[in-house]
């Protein structure tokens, strides 16, 4: 009887150990890699922290694992999936920027026009501004309504769709890639990805929030929000009844910008940049409308633009959206649309 009892105990212990191993394996942190040969972390195995073991967590509130491949530290860190409007590289409100130098400034531009936020050899990011000018105002109130990204010979855009009354249960984001509309299904973790370019658009909440990733180039966190009645009251925007001016809150993270990078935000990443924003001023406004104005959301023709990718002269197929495989992907849990040949 004692022998049987001992055997049962031994089996129970084995099962417990087995379950423990399975639990530990399930929670084992992801291993991240940097694929650019210019990165000091090139092909190094970088484990994610246990506090944020995955770059694609299933919990909408969980932080994600992130590696800055340009840092010699080669260590993963935890960060929020949504834009931090008080962090470097952000553009929120009307619009309030925080540069790469950590200094806050405002750039109002003009409503219904386009401006270069970042212009580098291999990357161009433009913004479309919307706004209004109430009677008696000397300038427009403006917000960022759309972003246009150019990289290699590709174009990608996302925009907040106009709406009179805000509804959190409705998605207000519209996307396009190389001139073709694309759909990212509603739902946390849903994504669209193109293996040819490795461009990935992933929802960071069920609706109205996404993260756009161009590996080794840039990452953009985006929220769509309305101008609230409280904002309207505080700032006296005089928002009309038929438009809540849905706009974007964004935060950028860049990989390997050149020392000559330009743009309203990009220039703040220059090593010797001296910010013209006056310290101590409650609302430091900087100019540059003439230097950074582009003719369209996907043009790189501003006076200060330097976008000139090496691969731009190599034509690529423009029919990516014609062979979409909508069956999903096993890369991560969640729904996905992957473009494949």
Protein backbone atom coordinates (compact mmCIF):
# COMPACT_ATOMS: atom_id res chain seq x y z
CA UNK A 1 0.00 0.00 0.00
CA UNK A 2 2.86 2.30 0.89
CA UNK A 3 4.51 1.39 -2.42
CA UNK A 4 1.40 2.31 -4.36
CA UNK A 5 1.07 5.54 -2.39
CA UNK A 6 4.70 6.37 -3.15
CA UNK A 7 4.20 5.59 -6.83
CA UNK A 8 1.12 7.82 -6.95
CA UNK A 9 3.05 10.62 -5.29
CA UNK A 10 5.92 10.19 -7.78
CA UNK A 11 3.49 10.32 -10.74
CA UNK A 12 1.81 13.41 -9.28
CA UNK A 13 5.18 15.10 -8.91
CA UNK A 14 6.08 14.22 -12.50
CA UNK A 15 2.80 15.69 -13.73
CA UNK A 16 3.36 18.81 -11.67
CA UNK A 17 6.87 19.22 -13.07
CA UNK A 18 5.57 18.59 -16.57
CA UNK A 19 2.85 21.20 -16.16
CA UNK A 20 5.37 23.64 -14.72
CA UNK A 21 7.67 23.14 -17.69
CA UNK A 22 4.77 23.68 -20.09
CA UNK A 23 3.72 26.87 -18.31
CA UNK A 24 7.26 28.18 -18.33
CA UNK A 25 7.63 27.32 -22.01
CA UNK A 26 4.37 29.10 -22.81
CA UNK A 27 5.60 32.21 -21.01
CA UNK A 28 9.10 32.07 -22.39
CA UNK A 29 10.07 35.53 -23.70
CA UNK A 30 10.44 36.11 -27.42
CA UNK A 31 13.89 36.44 -28.95
CA UNK A 32 14.37 39.57 -31.06
CA UNK A 33 16.90 40.14 -33.85
CA UNK A 34 18.24 43.16 -35.71
CA UNK A 35 18.64 42.43 -39.41
CA UNK A 36 20.44 45.53 -40.62
CA UNK A 37 24.17 44.93 -41.09
CA UNK A 38 24.84 48.48 -39.95
CA UNK A 39 23.25 47.79 -36.57
CA UNK A 40 25.61 47.18 -33.62
CA UNK A 41 23.14 44.45 -32.65
CA UNK A 42 23.20 42.70 -36.06
CA UNK A 43 21.94 39.09 -35.68
CA UNK A 44 22.41 39.10 -31.90
CA UNK A 45 19.84 37.13 -29.91
CA UNK A 46 18.07 39.67 -27.69
CA UNK A 47 15.55 38.18 -25.22
CA UNK A 48 12.47 40.19 -24.31
CA UNK A 49 11.99 41.10 -20.63
CA UNK A 50 9.67 38.90 -18.57
CA UNK A 51 7.63 42.04 -17.86
CA UNK A 52 6.79 42.25 -21.58
CA UNK A 53 7.72 38.89 -23.11
CA UNK A 54 6.18 39.49 -26.53
CA UNK A 55 6.21 42.08 -29.28
CA UNK A 56 2.60 41.06 -30.04
CA UNK A 57 0.83 40.48 -26.70
CA UNK A 58 -2.73 39.22 -26.75
CA UNK A 59 -3.66 41.43 -23.80
CA UNK A 60 -4.70 44.85 -25.20
CA UNK A 61 -3.37 46.57 -22.06
CA UNK A 62 0.00 44.80 -22.00
CA UNK A 63 3.21 46.57 -22.93
CA UNK A 64 5.20 45.33 -25.91
CA UNK A 65 8.79 44.22 -26.27
CA UNK A 66 10.91 46.67 -28.25
CA UNK A 67 14.55 46.75 -29.35
CA UNK A 68 16.31 49.87 -30.58
CA UNK A 69 18.61 48.35 -33.20
CA UNK A 70 20.68 51.53 -33.39
CA UNK A 71 21.63 51.40 -29.73
CA UNK A 72 24.92 49.68 -28.80
CA UNK A 73 23.26 48.39 -25.61
CA UNK A 74 21.36 45.69 -27.57
CA UNK A 75 18.80 45.24 -24.82
CA UNK A 76 15.03 44.91 -25.17
CA UNK A 77 12.72 47.20 -23.25
CA UNK A 78 8.99 47.51 -22.51
CA UNK A 79 6.89 50.28 -23.98
CA UNK A 80 3.29 51.20 -24.60
CA UNK A 81 1.65 50.32 -27.91
CA UNK A 82 -0.22 53.59 -28.23
CA UNK A 83 1.27 57.05 -28.82
CA UNK A 84 2.79 58.80 -25.83
CA UNK A 85 1.90 62.44 -26.49
CA UNK A 86 4.46 63.52 -23.90
CA UNK A 87 7.31 61.54 -25.41
CA UNK A 88 9.92 62.42 -28.06
CA UNK A 89 8.79 62.03 -31.65
CA UNK A 90 5.14 62.76 -30.88
CA UNK A 91 2.62 65.01 -32.62
CA UNK A 92 -0.74 65.51 -30.94
CA UNK A 93 -3.38 68.16 -30.32
CA UNK A 94 -3.29 71.19 -32.65
CA UNK A 95 -0.51 70.07 -33.37
CA UNK A 96 1.93 69.96 -30.48
CA UNK A 97 5.26 68.32 -31.32
CA UNK A 98 8.00 66.98 -29.12
CA UNK A 99 11.22 66.81 -31.10
CA UNK A 100 14.03 64.30 -30.98
CA UNK A 101 15.76 66.80 -28.71
CA UNK A 102 12.88 66.57 -26.21
CA UNK A 103 11.77 70.19 -26.76
CA UNK A 104 8.05 71.00 -27.14
CA UNK A 105 6.97 73.20 -30.04
CA UNK A 106 3.89 73.95 -32.14
CA UNK A 107 3.67 74.01 -35.92
CA UNK A 108 0.31 75.16 -37.26
CA UNK A 109 0.87 75.09 -41.00
CA UNK A 110 -2.36 75.74 -42.90
CA UNK A 111 -5.63 73.86 -43.21
CA UNK A 112 -6.16 71.61 -46.23
CA UNK A 113 -2.45 71.61 -47.08
CA UNK A 114 0.40 69.10 -46.77
CA UNK A 115 3.72 69.40 -44.98
CA UNK A 116 6.81 67.23 -44.65
CA UNK A 117 7.27 65.98 -41.10
CA UNK A 118 10.35 63.91 -41.96
CA UNK A 119 12.49 63.85 -45.08
CA UNK A 120 15.57 61.63 -45.29
CA UNK A 121 17.32 59.76 -48.09
CA UNK A 122 15.22 56.61 -47.63
CA UNK A 123 12.12 57.94 -45.87
CA UNK A 124 9.56 60.68 -46.39
CA UNK A 125 6.65 61.29 -44.01
CA UNK A 126 4.08 63.93 -44.87
CA UNK A 127 1.01 65.13 -43.01
CA UNK A 128 -2.27 66.57 -44.24
CA UNK A 129 -3.59 69.31 -42.00
CA UNK A 130 -7.27 70.06 -41.48
CA UNK A 131 -8.65 72.99 -39.55
CA UNK A 132 -10.72 76.12 -39.42
CA UNK A 133 -10.30 79.83 -38.86
CA UNK A 134 -13.03 81.43 -36.75
CA UNK A 135 -13.88 85.08 -37.32
CA UNK A 136 -11.33 87.40 -35.79
CA UNK A 137 -8.48 84.84 -35.78
CA UNK A 138 -5.16 85.66 -37.49
CA UNK A 139 -4.31 82.02 -38.25
CA UNK A 140 -5.91 78.60 -38.72
CA UNK A 141 -6.48 76.11 -35.97
CA UNK A 142 -5.07 72.90 -37.43
CA UNK A 143 -4.84 69.17 -36.71
CA UNK A 144 -3.10 66.27 -38.47
CA UNK A 145 -5.74 64.34 -40.41
CA UNK A 146 -3.57 62.00 -42.52
CA UNK A 147 -0.03 60.64 -42.88
CA UNK A 148 1.73 59.69 -46.12
CA UNK A 149 4.86 57.52 -46.02
CA UNK A 150 7.30 57.02 -48.90
CA UNK A 151 10.05 54.41 -48.61
CA UNK A 152 12.03 52.77 -51.41
CA UNK A 153 9.57 52.92 -54.31
CA UNK A 154 6.55 52.29 -52.09
CA UNK A 155 3.84 54.55 -50.70
CA UNK A 156 1.57 54.04 -47.72
CA UNK A 157 -1.09 56.34 -46.30
CA UNK A 158 -3.48 56.35 -43.38
CA UNK A 159 -6.09 58.91 -42.56
CA UNK A 160 -8.85 59.74 -40.11
CA UNK A 161 -12.16 59.70 -41.96
CA UNK A 162 -14.39 62.78 -41.50
CA UNK A 163 -17.35 62.32 -39.18
CA UNK A 164 -19.90 64.71 -37.70
CA UNK A 165 -20.42 62.86 -34.42
CA UNK A 166 -17.78 60.68 -32.78
CA UNK A 167 -18.61 57.04 -32.02
CA UNK A 168 -15.99 54.85 -30.30
CA UNK A 169 -17.66 51.74 -31.69
CA UNK A 170 -16.94 52.77 -35.28
CA UNK A 171 -13.50 52.58 -36.88
CA UNK A 172 -12.41 55.91 -38.36
CA UNK A 173 -9.19 54.78 -40.09
CA UNK A 174 -8.58 54.40 -43.84
CA UNK A 175 -5.44 52.84 -45.36
CA UNK A 176 -3.78 52.52 -48.76
CA UNK A 177 -0.61 50.87 -50.03
CA UNK A 178 0.94 51.69 -53.41
CA UNK A 179 -2.26 53.39 -54.51
CA UNK A 180 -4.58 50.52 -53.59
CA UNK A 181 -7.03 50.64 -50.69
CA UNK A 182 -6.44 48.00 -48.04
CA UNK A 183 -8.50 46.77 -45.12
CA UNK A 184 -7.23 45.81 -41.70
CA UNK A 185 -10.09 43.96 -39.96
CA UNK A 186 -11.40 45.36 -36.70
CA UNK A 187 -10.12 43.65 -33.58
CA UNK A 188 -7.06 43.78 -31.35
CA UNK A 189 -4.09 42.00 -32.97
CA UNK A 190 -5.59 42.07 -36.47
CA UNK A 191 -2.91 43.00 -38.98
CA UNK A 192 -1.95 43.44 -42.60
CA UNK A 193 1.53 42.57 -43.76
CA UNK A 194 3.42 42.50 -47.04
CA UNK A 195 6.41 40.11 -47.06
CA UNK A 196 7.99 41.90 -50.04
CA UNK A 197 8.51 45.10 -48.07
CA UNK A 198 7.99 43.73 -44.52
CA UNK A 199 5.61 46.65 -43.96
CA UNK A 200 3.21 45.72 -41.17
CA UNK A 201 0.04 47.48 -40.00
CA UNK A 202 -1.32 46.07 -36.76
CA UNK A 203 -4.28 47.16 -34.69
CA UNK A 204 -3.36 47.97 -31.10
CA UNK A 205 -7.01 48.12 -30.05
CA UNK A 206 -10.19 46.87 -31.67
CA UNK A 207 -10.67 50.15 -33.53
CA UNK A 208 -9.00 53.53 -34.15
CA UNK A 209 -5.47 52.61 -33.02
CA UNK A 210 -2.69 51.01 -35.07
CA UNK A 211 1.05 50.56 -35.17
CA UNK A 212 2.79 50.84 -38.54
CA UNK A 213 6.21 49.21 -38.78
CA UNK A 214 8.77 49.53 -41.57
CA UNK A 215 11.53 47.29 -40.14
CA UNK A 216 14.89 48.97 -39.66
CA UNK A 217 13.41 52.27 -40.90
CA UNK A 218 10.58 53.62 -38.73
CA UNK A 219 7.67 52.75 -36.51
CA UNK A 220 4.55 54.87 -36.11
CA UNK A 221 1.96 54.56 -33.33
CA UNK A 222 -1.38 56.15 -34.22
CA UNK A 223 -4.67 56.99 -32.48
CA UNK A 224 -7.71 58.63 -34.04
CA UNK A 225 -9.50 61.06 -31.73
CA UNK A 226 -12.08 63.84 -32.11
CA UNK A 227 -11.88 67.42 -30.93
CA UNK A 228 -13.93 67.09 -27.77
CA UNK A 229 -16.50 69.56 -26.50
CA UNK A 230 -14.22 70.26 -23.54
CA UNK A 231 -11.28 71.07 -25.86
CA UNK A 232 -13.59 73.28 -27.88
CA UNK A 233 -14.72 75.12 -24.76
CA UNK A 234 -11.20 75.61 -23.37
CA UNK A 235 -9.61 76.79 -26.63
CA UNK A 236 -12.67 78.42 -28.22
CA UNK A 237 -12.12 76.54 -31.49
CA UNK A 238 -15.77 77.12 -32.46
CA UNK A 239 -16.12 73.60 -33.86
CA UNK A 240 -19.23 73.34 -36.09
CA UNK A 241 -22.03 70.88 -35.39
CA UNK A 242 -21.44 68.86 -38.57
CA UNK A 243 -17.74 67.99 -38.04
CA UNK A 244 -15.89 66.82 -34.93
CA UNK A 245 -12.53 67.18 -36.76
CA UNK A 246 -11.35 63.59 -36.23
CA UNK A 247 -7.56 63.69 -36.29
CA UNK A 248 -4.44 61.70 -35.50
CA UNK A 249 -2.30 61.44 -32.41
CA UNK A 250 1.04 60.01 -33.51
CA UNK A 251 4.42 59.03 -32.14
CA UNK A 252 7.40 58.12 -34.32
CA UNK A 253 10.43 55.96 -33.62
CA UNK A 254 13.19 56.09 -36.20
CA UNK A 255 16.05 53.74 -37.00
CA UNK A 256 19.22 55.20 -38.47
CA UNK A 257 18.21 58.69 -39.56
CA UNK A 258 20.99 60.54 -41.35
CA UNK A 259 22.59 63.65 -39.89
CA UNK A 260 20.97 65.68 -42.71
CA UNK A 261 17.39 64.60 -42.00
CA UNK A 262 14.87 67.36 -42.63
CA UNK A 263 11.20 68.09 -42.00
CA UNK A 264 9.16 69.86 -39.36
CA UNK A 265 9.95 67.06 -36.90
CA UNK A 266 12.88 65.40 -38.66
CA UNK A 267 15.24 68.37 -38.33
CA UNK A 268 15.07 68.05 -34.52
CA UNK A 269 17.01 64.78 -34.92
CA UNK A 270 20.00 66.52 -36.52
CA UNK A 271 23.04 66.25 -34.21
CA UNK A 272 23.72 70.00 -34.25
CA UNK A 273 20.11 71.23 -34.41
CA UNK A 274 19.28 74.38 -32.47
CA UNK A 275 15.55 74.52 -31.81
CA UNK A 276 14.06 77.96 -32.63
CA UNK A 277 11.29 77.38 -30.08
CA UNK A 278 11.67 80.05 -27.40
CA UNK A 279 12.18 78.54 -23.95
CA UNK A 280 9.78 79.69 -21.27
CA UNK A 281 7.02 80.53 -23.76
CA UNK A 282 3.72 78.79 -22.98
CA UNK A 283 3.09 77.94 -26.62
CA UNK A 284 6.35 78.11 -28.63
CA UNK A 285 5.39 78.24 -32.31
CA UNK A 286 7.94 77.56 -35.05
CA UNK A 287 7.56 78.39 -38.72
CA UNK A 288 8.75 76.74 -41.91
CA UNK A 289 5.52 76.50 -43.87
CA UNK A 290 7.22 77.51 -47.12
CA UNK A 291 10.19 75.15 -46.71
CA UNK A 292 8.14 72.07 -45.77
CA UNK A 293 4.98 72.42 -47.84
CA UNK A 294 4.41 69.58 -50.35
CA UNK A 295 1.94 69.47 -53.22
CA UNK A 296 0.25 66.28 -52.01
CA UNK A 297 0.25 63.71 -49.24
CA UNK A 298 2.58 61.41 -51.18
CA UNK A 299 4.95 63.95 -52.76
CA UNK A 300 8.51 64.75 -51.72
CA UNK A 301 8.76 68.10 -53.48
CA UNK A 302 9.11 70.54 -50.60
CA UNK A 303 11.93 73.07 -50.66
CA UNK A 304 13.87 71.29 -47.91
CA UNK A 305 13.00 67.68 -48.88
CA UNK A 306 15.94 65.32 -49.45
CA UNK A 307 14.09 62.04 -50.09
CA UNK A 308 15.98 60.15 -52.79
CA UNK A 309 15.95 56.39 -52.17
CA UNK A 310 18.46 54.19 -53.91
CA UNK A 311 15.76 51.75 -54.92
CA UNK A 312 13.44 54.39 -56.32
CA UNK A 313 14.80 53.78 -59.83
CA UNK A 314 14.06 50.06 -59.60
CA UNK A 315 10.43 49.56 -60.65
CA UNK A 316 8.38 47.21 -58.53
CA UNK A 317 5.09 45.55 -59.28
CA UNK A 318 2.20 47.82 -58.36
CA UNK A 319 -0.42 45.08 -58.20
CA UNK A 320 0.28 43.91 -54.67
CA UNK A 321 -3.35 44.20 -53.64
CA UNK A 322 -4.52 41.99 -56.51
CA UNK A 323 -3.12 38.84 -54.91
CA UNK A 324 -4.13 39.28 -51.31
CA UNK A 325 -4.44 36.06 -49.34
CA UNK A 326 -7.18 36.78 -46.80
CA UNK A 327 -6.94 33.43 -45.08
CA UNK A 328 -4.97 34.86 -42.17
CA UNK A 329 -1.53 34.02 -40.87
CA UNK A 330 -0.08 31.68 -38.27
CA UNK A 331 2.64 34.16 -37.35
CA UNK A 332 0.72 35.38 -34.31
CA UNK A 333 -2.64 34.77 -32.75
CA UNK A 334 -5.25 37.06 -34.21
CA UNK A 335 -6.68 37.83 -37.62
CA UNK A 336 -4.52 38.95 -40.46
CA UNK A 337 -4.32 39.72 -44.13
CA UNK A 338 -1.02 38.94 -45.78
CA UNK A 339 -0.13 39.93 -49.34
CA UNK A 340 1.67 37.14 -51.16
CA UNK A 341 2.55 36.21 -54.70
